[in-house]
């Protein structure tokens, strides 16, 4: 009975670690194993870790290479710029998935994240 309870609690730590890891954009399988091995300490580590930024290639957002326009943090329209320049801006975090972009042929400005589902 004691062994069964220990295994059950160990699996519970792994499950909780995996669930929390998923909310922080981290690998739930890896954190399931870490949760099994380190128990409550894995949850504490995950609690204090920042949310991991999804590594997205900006090319996945676009259907045409350019020119593109975007609205910067001071609400100014920037462009025209190439797809390569957009990728550089994205990698340097000057633009993000919430940045509004526009290209000829689009009816309205859209956030980058909206273009991934198109």
N, C-alpha and C. Protein backbone atom coordinates (compact mmCIF):
# COMPACT_ATOMS: atom_id res chain seq x y z
N UNK A 1 0.82 -1.20 0.00
CA UNK A 1 0.00 0.00 0.00
C UNK A 1 0.86 1.26 0.00
N UNK A 2 1.93 1.28 0.81
CA UNK A 2 2.81 2.43 0.87
C UNK A 2 3.49 2.69 -0.46
N UNK A 3 3.94 1.65 -1.12
CA UNK A 3 4.60 1.79 -2.41
C UNK A 3 3.64 2.36 -3.45
N UNK A 4 2.39 1.87 -3.43
CA UNK A 4 1.38 2.38 -4.35
C UNK A 4 1.14 3.87 -4.13
N UNK A 5 1.07 4.29 -2.89
CA UNK A 5 0.85 5.69 -2.56
C UNK A 5 2.04 6.56 -2.99
N UNK A 6 3.24 6.07 -2.81
CA UNK A 6 4.44 6.80 -3.23
C UNK A 6 4.46 6.98 -4.75
N UNK A 7 4.15 5.92 -5.48
CA UNK A 7 4.11 6.00 -6.94
C UNK A 7 3.03 6.96 -7.39
N UNK A 8 1.87 6.92 -6.77
CA UNK A 8 0.77 7.81 -7.11
C UNK A 8 1.14 9.27 -6.87
N UNK A 9 1.75 9.57 -5.76
CA UNK A 9 2.15 10.95 -5.44
C UNK A 9 3.25 11.41 -6.40
N UNK A 10 4.17 10.52 -6.72
CA UNK A 10 5.24 10.85 -7.65
C UNK A 10 4.67 11.19 -9.03
N UNK A 11 3.73 10.40 -9.49
CA UNK A 11 3.09 10.68 -10.78
C UNK A 11 2.28 11.98 -10.73
N UNK A 12 1.69 12.27 -9.59
CA UNK A 12 0.95 13.51 -9.42
C UNK A 12 1.88 14.72 -9.55
N UNK A 13 3.07 14.65 -8.95
CA UNK A 13 4.05 15.74 -9.09
C UNK A 13 4.41 15.93 -10.56
N UNK A 14 4.61 14.82 -11.26
CA UNK A 14 4.94 14.90 -12.68
C UNK A 14 3.81 15.53 -13.48
N UNK A 15 2.59 15.12 -13.19
CA UNK A 15 1.42 15.67 -13.89
C UNK A 15 1.29 17.17 -13.64
N UNK A 16 1.40 17.58 -12.39
CA UNK A 16 1.29 19.00 -12.06
C UNK A 16 2.39 19.83 -12.72
N UNK A 17 3.60 19.29 -12.73
CA UNK A 17 4.71 19.98 -13.37
C UNK A 17 4.45 20.12 -14.88
N UNK A 18 3.95 19.07 -15.51
CA UNK A 18 3.66 19.12 -16.94
C UNK A 18 2.58 20.14 -17.26
N UNK A 19 1.53 20.20 -16.45
CA UNK A 19 0.45 21.17 -16.67
C UNK A 19 0.97 22.60 -16.53
N UNK A 20 1.75 22.86 -15.49
CA UNK A 20 2.29 24.20 -15.28
C UNK A 20 3.28 24.56 -16.40
N UNK A 21 4.07 23.59 -16.83
CA UNK A 21 5.04 23.83 -17.90
C UNK A 21 4.31 24.22 -19.20
N UNK A 22 3.22 23.57 -19.47
CA UNK A 22 2.47 23.87 -20.69
C UNK A 22 1.94 25.30 -20.67
N UNK A 23 1.51 25.80 -19.51
CA UNK A 23 1.02 27.17 -19.43
C UNK A 23 2.14 28.19 -19.60
N UNK A 24 3.38 27.76 -19.40
CA UNK A 24 4.53 28.66 -19.56
C UNK A 24 5.28 28.40 -20.86
N UNK A 25 4.62 27.72 -21.80
CA UNK A 25 5.20 27.41 -23.12
C UNK A 25 6.51 26.63 -23.02
N UNK A 26 6.56 25.70 -22.10
CA UNK A 26 7.73 24.84 -21.94
C UNK A 26 7.33 23.40 -22.24
N UNK A 27 8.30 22.56 -22.49
CA UNK A 27 8.06 21.18 -22.89
C UNK A 27 7.42 20.38 -21.74
N UNK A 28 6.14 20.01 -21.88
CA UNK A 28 5.47 19.30 -20.78
C UNK A 28 6.02 17.90 -20.51
N UNK A 29 6.52 17.22 -21.52
CA UNK A 29 7.05 15.86 -21.30
C UNK A 29 8.34 15.94 -20.48
N UNK A 30 9.20 16.86 -20.84
CA UNK A 30 10.44 17.04 -20.09
C UNK A 30 10.12 17.40 -18.63
N UNK A 31 9.17 18.31 -18.44
CA UNK A 31 8.83 18.73 -17.08
C UNK A 31 8.06 17.66 -16.32
N UNK A 32 7.38 16.75 -17.01
CA UNK A 32 6.76 15.61 -16.34
C UNK A 32 7.84 14.76 -15.68
N UNK A 33 8.90 14.49 -16.43
CA UNK A 33 10.02 13.69 -15.90
C UNK A 33 10.70 14.44 -14.76
N UNK A 34 10.92 15.73 -14.94
CA UNK A 34 11.55 16.53 -13.88
C UNK A 34 10.66 16.53 -12.64
N UNK A 35 9.35 16.62 -12.85
CA UNK A 35 8.41 16.58 -11.72
C UNK A 35 8.48 15.27 -10.96
N UNK A 36 8.61 14.17 -11.69
CA UNK A 36 8.75 12.86 -11.04
C UNK A 36 10.03 12.80 -10.23
N UNK A 37 11.12 13.32 -10.79
CA UNK A 37 12.41 13.23 -10.12
C UNK A 37 12.56 14.19 -8.94
N UNK A 38 12.01 15.39 -9.07
CA UNK A 38 12.27 16.42 -8.06
C UNK A 38 11.03 16.89 -7.29
N UNK A 39 9.87 16.37 -7.62
CA UNK A 39 8.66 16.66 -6.87
C UNK A 39 8.33 18.13 -6.77
N UNK A 40 8.09 18.58 -5.55
CA UNK A 40 7.65 19.95 -5.31
C UNK A 40 8.68 20.97 -5.77
N UNK A 41 9.95 20.60 -5.79
CA UNK A 41 10.99 21.53 -6.23
C UNK A 41 10.85 21.88 -7.72
N UNK A 42 10.34 20.93 -8.51
CA UNK A 42 10.11 21.23 -9.92
C UNK A 42 9.01 22.27 -10.08
N UNK A 43 7.99 22.18 -9.24
CA UNK A 43 6.91 23.18 -9.29
C UNK A 43 7.41 24.55 -8.88
N UNK A 44 8.25 24.58 -7.87
CA UNK A 44 8.82 25.86 -7.44
C UNK A 44 9.68 26.47 -8.54
N UNK A 45 10.49 25.64 -9.18
CA UNK A 45 11.34 26.14 -10.26
C UNK A 45 10.48 26.68 -11.40
N UNK A 46 9.44 25.96 -11.78
CA UNK A 46 8.56 26.41 -12.86
C UNK A 46 7.83 27.69 -12.48
N UNK A 47 7.44 27.79 -11.23
CA UNK A 47 6.72 28.98 -10.78
C UNK A 47 7.55 30.24 -10.98
N UNK A 48 8.84 30.15 -10.73
CA UNK A 48 9.71 31.31 -10.83
C UNK A 48 10.31 31.52 -12.22
N UNK A 49 10.21 30.52 -13.09
CA UNK A 49 10.71 30.69 -14.45
C UNK A 49 9.75 31.58 -15.24
N UNK A 50 10.29 32.47 -16.08
CA UNK A 50 9.40 33.30 -16.91
C UNK A 50 8.77 32.46 -18.01
N UNK A 51 7.70 32.97 -18.56
CA UNK A 51 7.06 32.29 -19.68
C UNK A 51 8.01 32.31 -20.86
N UNK A 52 8.17 31.16 -21.48
CA UNK A 52 9.11 31.04 -22.60
C UNK A 52 8.45 31.59 -23.85
N UNK A 53 9.19 32.45 -24.54
CA UNK A 53 8.69 33.04 -25.78
C UNK A 53 8.71 31.99 -26.87
N UNK A 54 7.61 31.87 -27.56
CA UNK A 54 7.56 30.91 -28.65
C UNK A 54 8.50 31.35 -29.75
N UNK A 55 9.33 30.44 -30.19
CA UNK A 55 10.26 30.73 -31.28
C UNK A 55 9.51 30.57 -32.59
N UNK A 56 9.13 31.69 -33.14
CA UNK A 56 8.40 31.66 -34.39
C UNK A 56 9.22 32.37 -35.45
N UNK A 57 9.25 31.81 -36.59
CA UNK A 57 9.90 32.46 -37.72
C UNK A 57 8.87 33.39 -38.35
N UNK A 58 9.29 34.60 -38.59
CA UNK A 58 8.36 35.57 -39.13
C UNK A 58 7.90 35.18 -40.53
N UNK A 59 8.69 34.41 -41.27
CA UNK A 59 8.28 34.00 -42.60
C UNK A 59 6.97 33.22 -42.56
N UNK A 60 6.70 32.54 -41.46
CA UNK A 60 5.47 31.78 -41.34
C UNK A 60 4.25 32.69 -41.31
N UNK A 61 4.45 33.96 -41.02
CA UNK A 61 3.33 34.89 -40.93
C UNK A 61 2.88 35.39 -42.30
N UNK A 62 3.74 35.31 -43.30
CA UNK A 62 3.48 36.01 -44.53
C UNK A 62 3.28 35.08 -45.71
N UNK A 63 2.49 35.55 -46.66
CA UNK A 63 2.28 34.78 -47.88
C UNK A 63 3.04 35.39 -49.04
N UNK A 64 3.31 36.70 -48.98
CA UNK A 64 4.07 37.38 -50.04
C UNK A 64 5.30 38.03 -49.42
N UNK A 65 6.39 38.13 -50.17
CA UNK A 65 7.64 38.63 -49.60
C UNK A 65 7.66 40.11 -49.24
N UNK A 66 6.82 40.93 -49.80
CA UNK A 66 6.85 42.34 -49.42
C UNK A 66 6.45 43.21 -50.57
N UNK A 67 6.46 44.50 -50.41
CA UNK A 67 6.85 45.24 -49.21
C UNK A 67 5.77 45.21 -48.13
N UNK A 68 6.23 45.34 -46.88
CA UNK A 68 5.37 45.32 -45.71
C UNK A 68 5.44 46.65 -44.98
N UNK A 69 4.38 46.95 -44.25
CA UNK A 69 4.31 48.13 -43.40
C UNK A 69 3.91 47.65 -42.01
N UNK A 70 4.34 48.35 -40.98
CA UNK A 70 3.91 48.02 -39.63
C UNK A 70 3.75 49.29 -38.82
N UNK A 71 3.02 49.18 -37.71
CA UNK A 71 2.81 50.30 -36.81
C UNK A 71 3.70 50.10 -35.59
N UNK A 72 4.58 51.06 -35.34
CA UNK A 72 5.53 50.93 -34.23
C UNK A 72 4.88 51.32 -32.90
N UNK A 73 5.67 51.30 -31.82
CA UNK A 73 5.15 51.57 -30.48
C UNK A 73 4.62 52.99 -30.30
N UNK A 74 5.08 53.93 -31.14
CA UNK A 74 4.59 55.30 -31.04
C UNK A 74 3.46 55.55 -32.06
N UNK A 75 2.86 54.47 -32.56
CA UNK A 75 1.73 54.51 -33.50
C UNK A 75 2.06 55.18 -34.83
N UNK A 76 3.31 55.09 -35.24
CA UNK A 76 3.71 55.61 -36.54
C UNK A 76 3.81 54.45 -37.53
N UNK A 77 3.39 54.72 -38.76
CA UNK A 77 3.49 53.71 -39.81
C UNK A 77 4.92 53.69 -40.34
N UNK A 78 5.51 52.50 -40.35
CA UNK A 78 6.87 52.30 -40.83
C UNK A 78 6.81 51.42 -42.07
N UNK A 79 7.54 51.79 -43.10
CA UNK A 79 7.60 50.98 -44.30
C UNK A 79 7.64 51.86 -45.52
N UNK A 80 7.83 51.29 -46.67
CA UNK A 80 7.85 49.85 -46.93
C UNK A 80 9.17 49.20 -46.53
N UNK A 81 9.08 47.96 -46.06
CA UNK A 81 10.26 47.19 -45.71
C UNK A 81 10.11 45.78 -46.25
N UNK A 82 11.23 45.11 -46.41
CA UNK A 82 11.24 43.76 -46.97
C UNK A 82 10.93 42.72 -45.90
N UNK A 83 10.66 41.53 -46.36
CA UNK A 83 10.43 40.41 -45.45
C UNK A 83 11.67 40.14 -44.59
N UNK A 84 12.85 40.28 -45.18
CA UNK A 84 14.09 40.07 -44.43
C UNK A 84 14.22 41.11 -43.31
N UNK A 85 13.85 42.36 -43.60
CA UNK A 85 13.89 43.39 -42.57
C UNK A 85 12.87 43.10 -41.47
N UNK A 86 11.70 42.60 -41.87
CA UNK A 86 10.68 42.23 -40.87
C UNK A 86 11.22 41.13 -39.95
N UNK A 87 11.90 40.16 -40.54
CA UNK A 87 12.47 39.07 -39.74
C UNK A 87 13.50 39.59 -38.76
N UNK A 88 14.34 40.51 -39.22
CA UNK A 88 15.35 41.11 -38.34
C UNK A 88 14.68 41.86 -37.19
N UNK A 89 13.65 42.64 -37.50
CA UNK A 89 12.92 43.38 -36.45
C UNK A 89 12.26 42.43 -35.46
N UNK A 90 11.74 41.31 -35.97
CA UNK A 90 11.09 40.33 -35.10
C UNK A 90 12.11 39.67 -34.17
N UNK A 91 13.25 39.29 -34.72
CA UNK A 91 14.29 38.64 -33.92
C UNK A 91 14.84 39.58 -32.85
N UNK A 92 14.90 40.88 -33.15
CA UNK A 92 15.39 41.85 -32.17
C UNK A 92 14.27 42.34 -31.25
N UNK A 93 13.09 41.78 -31.41
CA UNK A 93 11.91 42.08 -30.59
C UNK A 93 11.43 43.52 -30.72
N UNK A 94 11.76 44.17 -31.83
CA UNK A 94 11.21 45.49 -32.10
C UNK A 94 9.77 45.39 -32.59
N UNK A 95 9.42 44.25 -33.19
CA UNK A 95 8.04 43.93 -33.49
C UNK A 95 7.75 42.57 -32.87
N UNK A 96 6.49 42.32 -32.58
CA UNK A 96 6.09 41.07 -31.92
C UNK A 96 4.80 40.56 -32.55
N UNK A 97 4.29 39.42 -32.11
CA UNK A 97 3.06 38.90 -32.69
C UNK A 97 1.86 39.85 -32.56
N UNK A 98 1.91 40.81 -31.64
CA UNK A 98 0.81 41.77 -31.49
C UNK A 98 0.97 43.02 -32.35
N UNK A 99 2.06 43.13 -33.09
CA UNK A 99 2.29 44.29 -33.95
C UNK A 99 1.33 44.24 -35.14
N UNK A 100 0.77 45.40 -35.46
CA UNK A 100 -0.11 45.50 -36.63
C UNK A 100 0.74 45.66 -37.89
N UNK A 101 0.38 44.89 -38.94
CA UNK A 101 1.09 44.93 -40.21
C UNK A 101 0.07 45.05 -41.34
N UNK A 102 0.58 45.51 -42.47
CA UNK A 102 -0.26 45.64 -43.66
C UNK A 102 0.59 45.44 -44.90
N UNK A 103 -0.05 44.91 -45.93
CA UNK A 103 0.59 44.72 -47.22
C UNK A 103 -0.46 44.94 -48.30
N UNK A 104 -0.03 45.38 -49.45
CA UNK A 104 -0.95 45.58 -50.56
C UNK A 104 -1.76 44.31 -50.79
N UNK A 105 -3.05 44.47 -50.94
CA UNK A 105 -3.93 43.32 -51.12
C UNK A 105 -4.70 42.97 -49.86
N UNK A 106 -4.25 43.46 -48.69
CA UNK A 106 -4.97 43.21 -47.45
C UNK A 106 -6.03 44.30 -47.28
N UNK A 107 -7.22 43.92 -46.80
CA UNK A 107 -8.29 44.89 -46.61
C UNK A 107 -8.02 45.80 -45.41
N UNK A 108 -7.49 45.24 -44.33
CA UNK A 108 -7.24 46.01 -43.11
C UNK A 108 -5.90 45.62 -42.50
N UNK A 109 -5.46 46.43 -41.56
CA UNK A 109 -4.27 46.10 -40.78
C UNK A 109 -4.60 44.90 -39.90
N UNK A 110 -3.64 44.01 -39.77
CA UNK A 110 -3.84 42.83 -38.91
C UNK A 110 -2.63 42.65 -38.02
N UNK A 111 -2.86 42.02 -36.87
CA UNK A 111 -1.74 41.65 -36.01
C UNK A 111 -1.01 40.47 -36.65
N UNK A 112 0.28 40.39 -36.42
CA UNK A 112 1.06 39.27 -36.96
C UNK A 112 0.46 37.93 -36.58
N UNK A 113 0.00 37.81 -35.34
CA UNK A 113 -0.55 36.52 -34.89
C UNK A 113 -1.80 36.13 -35.68
N UNK A 114 -2.54 37.11 -36.17
CA UNK A 114 -3.74 36.80 -36.95
C UNK A 114 -3.36 36.22 -38.31
N UNK A 115 -2.22 36.58 -38.82
CA UNK A 115 -1.80 36.08 -40.13
C UNK A 115 -1.35 34.64 -40.08
N UNK A 116 -1.00 34.13 -38.91
CA UNK A 116 -0.57 32.73 -38.80
C UNK A 116 -1.73 31.79 -39.01
N UNK A 117 -2.95 32.24 -38.68
CA UNK A 117 -4.11 31.37 -38.81
C UNK A 117 -4.76 31.49 -40.17
N UNK A 118 -4.30 32.45 -40.96
CA UNK A 118 -4.90 32.66 -42.28
C UNK A 118 -4.45 31.59 -43.25
